[in-house]
């Protein structure tokens, strides 16, 4: 399954494919990872095993261009959509690298290890292309000086990145919620067909209990690891056109089951004292 996911992401990262094709490949990869995680939860519930472990994953985030805070915000939202919680170390206004510390279940972190680098690359490529196009259009319309255009590009880029991450996270939440509902519906409809149907319904309910419990376990583990945190300050930069463009790009790909890329959780992006 991991090899299939990596193959899809390699196709998504191919410069020869269109933006919509790239996002479709990423969407399919996210779908496979999500289905696998839920199937594993069902299997553990059937065997009466304890829930999987909660652990941590450190993901480096570039500060190039002064856009590090926007990138952290985008990626933390995507991690939250997988039921994880995040803290960030070194999240200054400098162009230096910072670390996004993600706490979650083992399967959620496995998915993020594979998906985050690819999503980051696609997000940056899309932001660069769209920001360049935006500035080119401005040059044609008005006589801006170089400093004004540079400021305009930075504001556009940061807003684009934040919105892109928000849209991808939104789609992940939608997909995960729908996938759970489908499995519950399947279990309920099959329970009337005899013992095997009843077992499948019990398995589905067991998986739902496990997945809901995971949210509480991740929250408790995160609070134990980071008992004193200060919230990140909201970024003041907001560019309406950049945000709108990023959101549209992030929402573009559709999945075969009739919804967008997805999974569920709440964001808890915080910063070390």
C-alpha atoms as a PDB file:
ATOM      1  CA  UNK A   1       0.000   0.000   0.000  1.00  0.00           C
ATOM      2  CA  UNK A   2       2.847   2.368   0.860  1.00  0.00           C
ATOM      3  CA  UNK A   3       4.456   1.654  -2.516  1.00  0.00           C
ATOM      4  CA  UNK A   4       1.168   2.410  -4.290  1.00  0.00           C
ATOM      5  CA  UNK A   5       0.928   5.693  -2.391  1.00  0.00           C
ATOM      6  CA  UNK A   6       4.508   6.626  -3.247  1.00  0.00           C
ATOM      7  CA  UNK A   7       3.872   5.776  -6.900  1.00  0.00           C
ATOM      8  CA  UNK A   8       0.849   8.098  -6.953  1.00  0.00           C
ATOM      9  CA  UNK A   9       2.859  10.886  -5.338  1.00  0.00           C
ATOM     10  CA  UNK A  10       5.692  10.464  -7.831  1.00  0.00           C
ATOM     11  CA  UNK A  11       3.134  10.994 -10.594  1.00  0.00           C
ATOM     12  CA  UNK A  12       1.717  13.994  -8.722  1.00  0.00           C
ATOM     13  CA  UNK A  13       5.193  15.556  -8.548  1.00  0.00           C
ATOM     14  CA  UNK A  14       5.928  15.036 -12.240  1.00  0.00           C
ATOM     15  CA  UNK A  15       6.332  18.484 -13.866  1.00  0.00           C
ATOM     16  CA  UNK A  16       4.687  17.145 -17.028  1.00  0.00           C
ATOM     17  CA  UNK A  17       1.257  16.696 -15.400  1.00  0.00           C
ATOM     18  CA  UNK A  18      -1.289  19.487 -15.036  1.00  0.00           C
ATOM     19  CA  UNK A  19      -2.166  21.073 -11.691  1.00  0.00           C
ATOM     20  CA  UNK A  20      -5.537  19.280 -11.543  1.00  0.00           C
ATOM     21  CA  UNK A  21      -3.941  15.916 -12.442  1.00  0.00           C
ATOM     22  CA  UNK A  22      -1.308  16.442  -9.749  1.00  0.00           C
ATOM     23  CA  UNK A  23      -3.952  17.095  -7.112  1.00  0.00           C
ATOM     24  CA  UNK A  24      -6.001  14.102  -8.275  1.00  0.00           C
ATOM     25  CA  UNK A  25      -3.002  11.788  -7.741  1.00  0.00           C
ATOM     26  CA  UNK A  26      -2.451  13.291  -4.274  1.00  0.00           C
ATOM     27  CA  UNK A  27      -6.149  12.866  -3.506  1.00  0.00           C
ATOM     28  CA  UNK A  28      -6.011   9.183  -4.366  1.00  0.00           C
ATOM     29  CA  UNK A  29      -2.910   8.734  -2.194  1.00  0.00           C
ATOM     30  CA  UNK A  30      -4.684  10.363   0.767  1.00  0.00           C
ATOM     31  CA  UNK A  31      -7.710   8.124   0.184  1.00  0.00           C
ATOM     32  CA  UNK A  32      -5.594   4.961   0.262  1.00  0.00           C
ATOM     33  CA  UNK A  33      -3.854   5.997   3.477  1.00  0.00           C
ATOM     34  CA  UNK A  34      -7.170   6.813   5.150  1.00  0.00           C
ATOM     35  CA  UNK A  35      -8.847   3.559   4.127  1.00  0.00           C
ATOM     36  CA  UNK A  36      -5.818   1.633   5.359  1.00  0.00           C
ATOM     37  CA  UNK A  37      -5.879   3.379   8.775  1.00  0.00           C
ATOM     38  CA  UNK A  38      -9.588   2.640   9.273  1.00  0.00           C
ATOM     39  CA  UNK A  39      -9.168  -0.995   8.177  1.00  0.00           C
ATOM     40  CA  UNK A  40      -6.339  -1.361  10.715  1.00  0.00           C
ATOM     41  CA  UNK A  41      -8.536   0.136  13.457  1.00  0.00           C
ATOM     42  CA  UNK A  42     -11.299  -2.361  12.593  1.00  0.00           C
ATOM     43  CA  UNK A  43      -8.851  -5.261  12.697  1.00  0.00           C
ATOM     44  CA  UNK A  44      -7.550  -4.220  16.126  1.00  0.00           C
ATOM     45  CA  UNK A  45     -11.118  -3.845  17.432  1.00  0.00           C
ATOM     46  CA  UNK A  46     -12.048  -7.315  16.112  1.00  0.00           C
ATOM     47  CA  UNK A  47      -9.049  -8.896  17.832  1.00  0.00           C
ATOM     48  CA  UNK A  48      -9.724  -7.039  21.075  1.00  0.00           C
ATOM     49  CA  UNK A  49      -6.309  -5.347  20.947  1.00  0.00           C
ATOM     50  CA  UNK A  50      -5.342  -2.071  22.555  1.00  0.00           C
ATOM     51  CA  UNK A  51      -5.360   1.074  20.398  1.00  0.00           C
ATOM     52  CA  UNK A  52      -2.170   1.853  18.498  1.00  0.00           C
ATOM     53  CA  UNK A  53       0.532   3.948  20.108  1.00  0.00           C
ATOM     54  CA  UNK A  54       0.631   7.736  20.162  1.00  0.00           C
ATOM     55  CA  UNK A  55       4.003   9.178  19.213  1.00  0.00           C
ATOM     56  CA  UNK A  56       5.666  12.227  17.667  1.00  0.00           C
ATOM     57  CA  UNK A  57       7.045  13.248  14.285  1.00  0.00           C
ATOM     58  CA  UNK A  58       9.269  16.305  13.653  1.00  0.00           C
ATOM     59  CA  UNK A  59       8.845  17.904  10.232  1.00  0.00           C
ATOM     60  CA  UNK A  60      11.262  20.659   9.055  1.00  0.00           C
ATOM     61  CA  UNK A  61       9.581  23.720   7.533  1.00  0.00           C
ATOM     62  CA  UNK A  62      11.469  26.158   5.330  1.00  0.00           C
ATOM     63  CA  UNK A  63      11.559  29.862   6.195  1.00  0.00           C
ATOM     64  CA  UNK A  64      12.735  30.928   2.725  1.00  0.00           C
ATOM     65  CA  UNK A  65      11.207  34.186   1.550  1.00  0.00           C
ATOM     66  CA  UNK A  66       9.940  35.013   5.031  1.00  0.00           C
ATOM     67  CA  UNK A  67       6.971  32.679   4.470  1.00  0.00           C
ATOM     68  CA  UNK A  68       7.800  30.164   7.232  1.00  0.00           C
ATOM     69  CA  UNK A  69       4.869  31.092   9.489  1.00  0.00           C
ATOM     70  CA  UNK A  70       2.390  30.726   6.629  1.00  0.00           C
ATOM     71  CA  UNK A  71       3.831  27.305   5.752  1.00  0.00           C
ATOM     72  CA  UNK A  72       3.600  26.159   9.389  1.00  0.00           C
ATOM     73  CA  UNK A  73      -0.022  27.269   9.558  1.00  0.00           C
ATOM     74  CA  UNK A  74      -0.880  25.377   6.375  1.00  0.00           C
ATOM     75  CA  UNK A  75       0.882  22.142   7.340  1.00  0.00           C
ATOM     76  CA  UNK A  76      -0.368  22.149  10.947  1.00  0.00           C
ATOM     77  CA  UNK A  77      -3.912  22.357   9.604  1.00  0.00           C
ATOM     78  CA  UNK A  78      -3.308  19.330   7.383  1.00  0.00           C
ATOM     79  CA  UNK A  79      -1.839  17.421  10.354  1.00  0.00           C
ATOM     80  CA  UNK A  80      -4.902  18.358  12.430  1.00  0.00           C
ATOM     81  CA  UNK A  81      -7.123  16.891   9.715  1.00  0.00           C
ATOM     82  CA  UNK A  82      -5.455  13.538  10.450  1.00  0.00           C
ATOM     83  CA  UNK A  83      -6.388  13.859  14.141  1.00  0.00           C
ATOM     84  CA  UNK A  84      -2.950  15.137  15.204  1.00  0.00           C
ATOM     85  CA  UNK A  85      -1.917  18.128  17.314  1.00  0.00           C
ATOM     86  CA  UNK A  86       1.099  20.327  16.615  1.00  0.00           C
ATOM     87  CA  UNK A  87       3.628  22.589  18.280  1.00  0.00           C
ATOM     88  CA  UNK A  88       6.319  24.594  16.498  1.00  0.00           C
ATOM     89  CA  UNK A  89       9.893  25.382  17.488  1.00  0.00           C
ATOM     90  CA  UNK A  90      11.757  28.428  16.128  1.00  0.00           C
ATOM     91  CA  UNK A  91       8.767  30.051  14.462  1.00  0.00           C
ATOM     92  CA  UNK A  92      10.256  33.535  14.090  1.00  0.00           C
ATOM     93  CA  UNK A  93       9.931  36.056  11.277  1.00  0.00           C
ATOM     94  CA  UNK A  94      13.436  35.153  10.068  1.00  0.00           C
ATOM     95  CA  UNK A  95      14.110  33.137   6.914  1.00  0.00           C
ATOM     96  CA  UNK A  96      15.492  30.251   8.978  1.00  0.00           C
ATOM     97  CA  UNK A  97      14.135  26.705   9.127  1.00  0.00           C
ATOM     98  CA  UNK A  98      11.714  25.849  11.907  1.00  0.00           C
ATOM     99  CA  UNK A  99      10.384  22.506  13.206  1.00  0.00           C
ATOM    100  CA  UNK A 100       6.747  21.442  13.229  1.00  0.00           C
ATOM    101  CA  UNK A 101       6.341  18.892  16.034  1.00  0.00           C
ATOM    102  CA  UNK A 102       3.347  16.651  15.287  1.00  0.00           C
ATOM    103  CA  UNK A 103       1.817  14.329  17.897  1.00  0.00           C
ATOM    104  CA  UNK A 104      -0.557  11.619  16.701  1.00  0.00           C
ATOM    105  CA  UNK A 105      -1.231   7.914  16.312  1.00  0.00           C
ATOM    106  CA  UNK A 106       1.341   5.789  14.513  1.00  0.00           C
ATOM    107  CA  UNK A 107      -0.837   5.325  11.404  1.00  0.00           C
ATOM    108  CA  UNK A 108      -1.644   9.054  11.170  1.00  0.00           C
ATOM    109  CA  UNK A 109       2.047   9.929  11.400  1.00  0.00           C
ATOM    110  CA  UNK A 110       2.900   7.263   8.802  1.00  0.00           C
ATOM    111  CA  UNK A 111       0.459   8.955   6.435  1.00  0.00           C
ATOM    112  CA  UNK A 112       1.885  12.411   7.137  1.00  0.00           C
ATOM    113  CA  UNK A 113       5.494  11.242   6.638  1.00  0.00           C
ATOM    114  CA  UNK A 114       4.551  10.188   3.124  1.00  0.00           C
ATOM    115  CA  UNK A 115       2.107  12.968   2.230  1.00  0.00           C
ATOM    116  CA  UNK A 116       3.528  16.162   3.769  1.00  0.00           C
ATOM    117  CA  UNK A 117       6.689  16.392   1.623  1.00  0.00           C
ATOM    118  CA  UNK A 118       4.667  15.904  -1.558  1.00  0.00           C
ATOM    119  CA  UNK A 119       1.894  18.308  -0.540  1.00  0.00           C
ATOM    120  CA  UNK A 120       4.525  20.882   0.455  1.00  0.00           C
ATOM    121  CA  UNK A 121       6.222  20.622  -2.926  1.00  0.00           C
ATOM    122  CA  UNK A 122       2.944  20.968  -4.809  1.00  0.00           C
ATOM    123  CA  UNK A 123       1.820  23.872  -2.615  1.00  0.00           C
ATOM    124  CA  UNK A 124       5.064  25.772  -3.198  1.00  0.00           C
ATOM    125  CA  UNK A 125       5.045  25.145  -6.952  1.00  0.00           C
ATOM    126  CA  UNK A 126       1.440  26.298  -7.201  1.00  0.00           C
ATOM    127  CA  UNK A 127       2.131  29.383  -5.049  1.00  0.00           C
ATOM    128  CA  UNK A 128       5.176  30.381  -7.118  1.00  0.00           C
ATOM    129  CA  UNK A 129       3.314  30.013 -10.404  1.00  0.00           C
ATOM    130  CA  UNK A 130       0.204  31.871  -9.249  1.00  0.00           C
ATOM    131  CA  UNK A 131       2.148  34.685  -7.552  1.00  0.00           C
ATOM    132  CA  UNK A 132       4.283  35.158 -10.688  1.00  0.00           C
ATOM    133  CA  UNK A 133       1.118  35.340 -12.792  1.00  0.00           C
ATOM    134  CA  UNK A 134      -0.444  37.855 -10.380  1.00  0.00           C
ATOM    135  CA  UNK A 135       2.601  40.152 -10.503  1.00  0.00           C
ATOM    136  CA  UNK A 136       2.807  39.904 -14.302  1.00  0.00           C
ATOM    137  CA  UNK A 137      -0.809  41.050 -14.545  1.00  0.00           C
ATOM    138  CA  UNK A 138      -0.125  43.980 -12.212  1.00  0.00           C
ATOM    139  CA  UNK A 139       2.830  45.101 -14.314  1.00  0.00           C
ATOM    140  CA  UNK A 140       0.586  45.307 -17.344  1.00  0.00           C
ATOM    141  CA  UNK A 141      -2.137  47.249 -15.542  1.00  0.00           C
ATOM    142  CA  UNK A 142      -0.127  49.833 -13.576  1.00  0.00           C
ATOM    143  CA  UNK A 143       3.287  51.359 -13.265  1.00  0.00           C
ATOM    144  CA  UNK A 144       4.433  49.854  -9.938  1.00  0.00           C
ATOM    145  CA  UNK A 145       8.027  50.194  -8.729  1.00  0.00           C
ATOM    146  CA  UNK A 146      10.105  47.129  -7.838  1.00  0.00           C
ATOM    147  CA  UNK A 147       9.689  47.552  -4.052  1.00  0.00           C
ATOM    148  CA  UNK A 148       5.904  47.739  -4.278  1.00  0.00           C
ATOM    149  CA  UNK A 149       5.755  44.641  -6.480  1.00  0.00           C
ATOM    150  CA  UNK A 150       8.016  42.734  -4.076  1.00  0.00           C
ATOM    151  CA  UNK A 151       5.750  43.558  -1.120  1.00  0.00           C
ATOM    152  CA  UNK A 152       2.675  42.652  -3.139  1.00  0.00           C
ATOM    153  CA  UNK A 153       4.177  39.278  -4.102  1.00  0.00           C
ATOM    154  CA  UNK A 154       5.030  38.425  -0.466  1.00  0.00           C
ATOM    155  CA  UNK A 155       1.540  39.265   0.768  1.00  0.00           C
ATOM    156  CA  UNK A 156      -0.056  37.290  -2.064  1.00  0.00           C
ATOM    157  CA  UNK A 157       2.250  34.276  -1.530  1.00  0.00           C
ATOM    158  CA  UNK A 158       1.654  34.005   2.228  1.00  0.00           C
ATOM    159  CA  UNK A 159      -2.099  34.262   1.912  1.00  0.00           C
ATOM    160  CA  UNK A 160      -2.075  31.706  -0.917  1.00  0.00           C
ATOM    161  CA  UNK A 161      -0.111  29.181   1.166  1.00  0.00           C
ATOM    162  CA  UNK A 162      -2.360  29.543   4.225  1.00  0.00           C
ATOM    163  CA  UNK A 163      -5.512  29.133   2.148  1.00  0.00           C
ATOM    164  CA  UNK A 164      -4.093  26.173   0.222  1.00  0.00           C
ATOM    165  CA  UNK A 165      -3.370  24.327   3.471  1.00  0.00           C
ATOM    166  CA  UNK A 166      -6.795  25.196   4.869  1.00  0.00           C
ATOM    167  CA  UNK A 167      -8.546  23.903   1.743  1.00  0.00           C
ATOM    168  CA  UNK A 168      -6.573  20.629   1.663  1.00  0.00           C
ATOM    169  CA  UNK A 169      -7.309  20.072   5.377  1.00  0.00           C
ATOM    170  CA  UNK A 170     -10.982  20.807   4.803  1.00  0.00           C
ATOM    171  CA  UNK A 171     -11.151  18.222   2.040  1.00  0.00           C
ATOM    172  CA  UNK A 172      -9.353  15.633   4.181  1.00  0.00           C
ATOM    173  CA  UNK A 173     -11.892  16.140   6.992  1.00  0.00           C
ATOM    174  CA  UNK A 174     -14.806  15.763   4.580  1.00  0.00           C
ATOM    175  CA  UNK A 175     -13.420  12.569   3.096  1.00  0.00           C
ATOM    176  CA  UNK A 176     -12.669  10.928   6.435  1.00  0.00           C
ATOM    177  CA  UNK A 177     -16.131  11.739   7.786  1.00  0.00           C
ATOM    178  CA  UNK A 178     -17.772  10.357   4.662  1.00  0.00           C
ATOM    179  CA  UNK A 179     -15.651   7.212   4.662  1.00  0.00           C
ATOM    180  CA  UNK A 180     -16.579   6.454   8.272  1.00  0.00           C
ATOM    181  CA  UNK A 181     -20.251   6.972   7.480  1.00  0.00           C
ATOM    182  CA  UNK A 182     -20.046   4.641   4.484  1.00  0.00           C
ATOM    183  CA  UNK A 183     -18.536   1.875   6.589  1.00  0.00           C
ATOM    184  CA  UNK A 184     -21.165   2.356   9.294  1.00  0.00           C
ATOM    185  CA  UNK A 185     -23.940   2.223   6.695  1.00  0.00           C
ATOM    186  CA  UNK A 186     -22.457  -0.944   5.161  1.00  0.00           C
ATOM    187  CA  UNK A 187     -22.322  -2.633   8.553  1.00  0.00           C
ATOM    188  CA  UNK A 188     -25.926  -1.678   9.377  1.00  0.00           C
ATOM    189  CA  UNK A 189     -27.335  -2.834   6.037  1.00  0.00           C
ATOM    190  CA  UNK A 190     -25.522  -6.168   6.216  1.00  0.00           C
ATOM    191  CA  UNK A 191     -26.505  -6.942   9.836  1.00  0.00           C
ATOM    192  CA  UNK A 192     -29.873  -8.262   8.641  1.00  0.00           C
ATOM    193  CA  UNK A 193     -28.171 -10.961   6.539  1.00  0.00           C
ATOM    194  CA  UNK A 194     -27.030 -13.129   9.448  1.00  0.00           C
ATOM    195  CA  UNK A 195     -24.040 -13.713  11.692  1.00  0.00           C
ATOM    196  CA  UNK A 196     -21.372 -12.444   9.271  1.00  0.00           C
ATOM    197  CA  UNK A 197     -23.306  -9.194   8.847  1.00  0.00           C
ATOM    198  CA  UNK A 198     -23.554  -8.767  12.629  1.00  0.00           C
ATOM    199  CA  UNK A 199     -19.813  -9.324  12.973  1.00  0.00           C
ATOM    200  CA  UNK A 200     -19.104  -6.690  10.317  1.00  0.00           C
ATOM    201  CA  UNK A 201     -21.431  -4.204  12.021  1.00  0.00           C
ATOM    202  CA  UNK A 202     -19.690  -4.823  15.349  1.00  0.00           C
ATOM    203  CA  UNK A 203     -16.318  -4.363  13.661  1.00  0.00           C
ATOM    204  CA  UNK A 204     -17.419  -1.048  12.170  1.00  0.00           C
ATOM    205  CA  UNK A 205     -18.706   0.174  15.534  1.00  0.00           C
ATOM    206  CA  UNK A 206     -15.490  -0.995  17.176  1.00  0.00           C
ATOM    207  CA  UNK A 207     -13.404   0.949  14.672  1.00  0.00           C
ATOM    208  CA  UNK A 208     -15.477   4.078  15.288  1.00  0.00           C
ATOM    209  CA  UNK A 209     -14.915   3.778  19.049  1.00  0.00           C
ATOM    210  CA  UNK A 210     -11.180   3.315  18.502  1.00  0.00           C
ATOM    211  CA  UNK A 211     -10.924   6.311  16.168  1.00  0.00           C
ATOM    212  CA  UNK A 212     -12.902   8.564  18.505  1.00  0.00           C
ATOM    213  CA  UNK A 213     -10.790   7.431  21.467  1.00  0.00           C
ATOM    214  CA  UNK A 214      -7.644   8.241  19.460  1.00  0.00           C
ATOM    215  CA  UNK A 215      -8.595  11.935  19.434  1.00  0.00           C
ATOM    216  CA  UNK A 216      -8.720  11.985  23.251  1.00  0.00           C
ATOM    217  CA  UNK A 217      -5.509   9.984  23.596  1.00  0.00           C
ATOM    218  CA  UNK A 218      -3.640  12.309  21.227  1.00  0.00           C
ATOM    219  CA  UNK A 219      -4.891  15.367  23.131  1.00  0.00           C
ATOM    220  CA  UNK A 220      -3.790  13.904  26.487  1.00  0.00           C
ATOM    221  CA  UNK A 221      -0.372  12.906  25.150  1.00  0.00           C
ATOM    222  CA  UNK A 222       0.144  16.341  23.585  1.00  0.00           C
ATOM    223  CA  UNK A 223      -0.719  18.109  26.847  1.00  0.00           C
ATOM    224  CA  UNK A 224       1.686  15.836  28.724  1.00  0.00           C
ATOM    225  CA  UNK A 225       4.513  16.589  26.283  1.00  0.00           C
ATOM    226  CA  UNK A 226       3.823  20.322  26.110  1.00  0.00           C
ATOM    227  CA  UNK A 227       2.229  21.397  29.416  1.00  0.00           C
ATOM    228  CA  UNK A 228       3.045  25.090  28.919  1.00  0.00           C
ATOM    229  CA  UNK A 229       2.565  26.613  25.503  1.00  0.00           C
ATOM    230  CA  UNK A 230       1.783  30.053  24.230  1.00  0.00           C
ATOM    231  CA  UNK A 231      -0.536  30.327  21.235  1.00  0.00           C
ATOM    232  CA  UNK A 232       0.907  31.466  17.935  1.00  0.00           C
ATOM    233  CA  UNK A 233       0.074  35.012  17.002  1.00  0.00           C
ATOM    234  CA  UNK A 234      -2.253  35.303  14.035  1.00  0.00           C
ATOM    235  CA  UNK A 235      -0.408  36.467  10.946  1.00  0.00           C
ATOM    236  CA  UNK A 236      -1.371  40.016  10.075  1.00  0.00           C
ATOM    237  CA  UNK A 237      -0.685  39.664   6.374  1.00  0.00           C
ATOM    238  CA  UNK A 238      -3.864  39.064   4.432  1.00  0.00           C
ATOM    239  CA  UNK A 239      -4.219  39.356   0.686  1.00  0.00           C
ATOM    240  CA  UNK A 240      -7.779  38.720  -0.469  1.00  0.00           C
ATOM    241  CA  UNK A 241      -6.880  37.663  -4.017  1.00  0.00           C
ATOM    242  CA  UNK A 242      -4.027  35.457  -2.802  1.00  0.00           C
ATOM    243  CA  UNK A 243      -6.217  33.730  -0.236  1.00  0.00           C
ATOM    244  CA  UNK A 244      -8.990  33.163  -2.771  1.00  0.00           C
ATOM    245  CA  UNK A 245      -6.544  31.726  -5.327  1.00  0.00           C
ATOM    246  CA  UNK A 246      -4.960  29.394  -2.752  1.00  0.00           C
ATOM    247  CA  UNK A 247      -8.321  28.139  -1.558  1.00  0.00           C
ATOM    248  CA  UNK A 248      -9.498  27.417  -5.111  1.00  0.00           C
ATOM    249  CA  UNK A 249      -6.296  25.491  -5.884  1.00  0.00           C
ATOM    250  CA  UNK A 250      -6.542  23.532  -2.644  1.00  0.00           C
ATOM    251  CA  UNK A 251     -10.166  22.517  -3.314  1.00  0.00           C
ATOM    252  CA  UNK A 252      -9.741  21.540  -6.946  1.00  0.00           C
ATOM    253  CA  UNK A 253      -9.247  17.746  -7.045  1.00  0.00           C
ATOM    254  CA  UNK A 254     -12.234  15.427  -6.698  1.00  0.00           C
ATOM    255  CA  UNK A 255     -12.240  11.757  -5.568  1.00  0.00           C
ATOM    256  CA  UNK A 256     -14.053   8.910  -7.219  1.00  0.00           C
ATOM    257  CA  UNK A 257     -16.482   8.534  -4.303  1.00  0.00           C
ATOM    258  CA  UNK A 258     -17.916  11.969  -5.059  1.00  0.00           C
ATOM    259  CA  UNK A 259     -16.156  14.099  -2.464  1.00  0.00           C
ATOM    260  CA  UNK A 260     -12.881  15.940  -2.126  1.00  0.00           C
ATOM    261  CA  UNK A 261      -9.611  14.799  -0.540  1.00  0.00           C
ATOM    262  CA  UNK A 262     -10.042  14.387   3.175  1.00  0.00           C
ATOM    263  CA  UNK A 263      -9.828  13.482   6.948  1.00  0.00           C
ATOM    264  CA  UNK A 264     -10.899  14.905  10.388  1.00  0.00           C
ATOM    265  CA  UNK A 265      -9.470  16.625  13.496  1.00  0.00           C
ATOM    266  CA  UNK A 266      -8.947  20.017  15.094  1.00  0.00           C
ATOM    267  CA  UNK A 267      -5.981  22.287  14.809  1.00  0.00           C
ATOM    268  CA  UNK A 268      -3.901  23.008  17.884  1.00  0.00           C
ATOM    269  CA  UNK A 269      -0.939  24.888  16.581  1.00  0.00           C
ATOM    270  CA  UNK A 270       1.058  26.205  19.506  1.00  0.00           C
ATOM    271  CA  UNK A 271       4.512  27.520  20.186  1.00  0.00           C
ATOM    272  CA  UNK A 272       7.033  26.542  22.871  1.00  0.00           C
ATOM    273  CA  UNK A 273       7.502  28.920  25.792  1.00  0.00           C
END
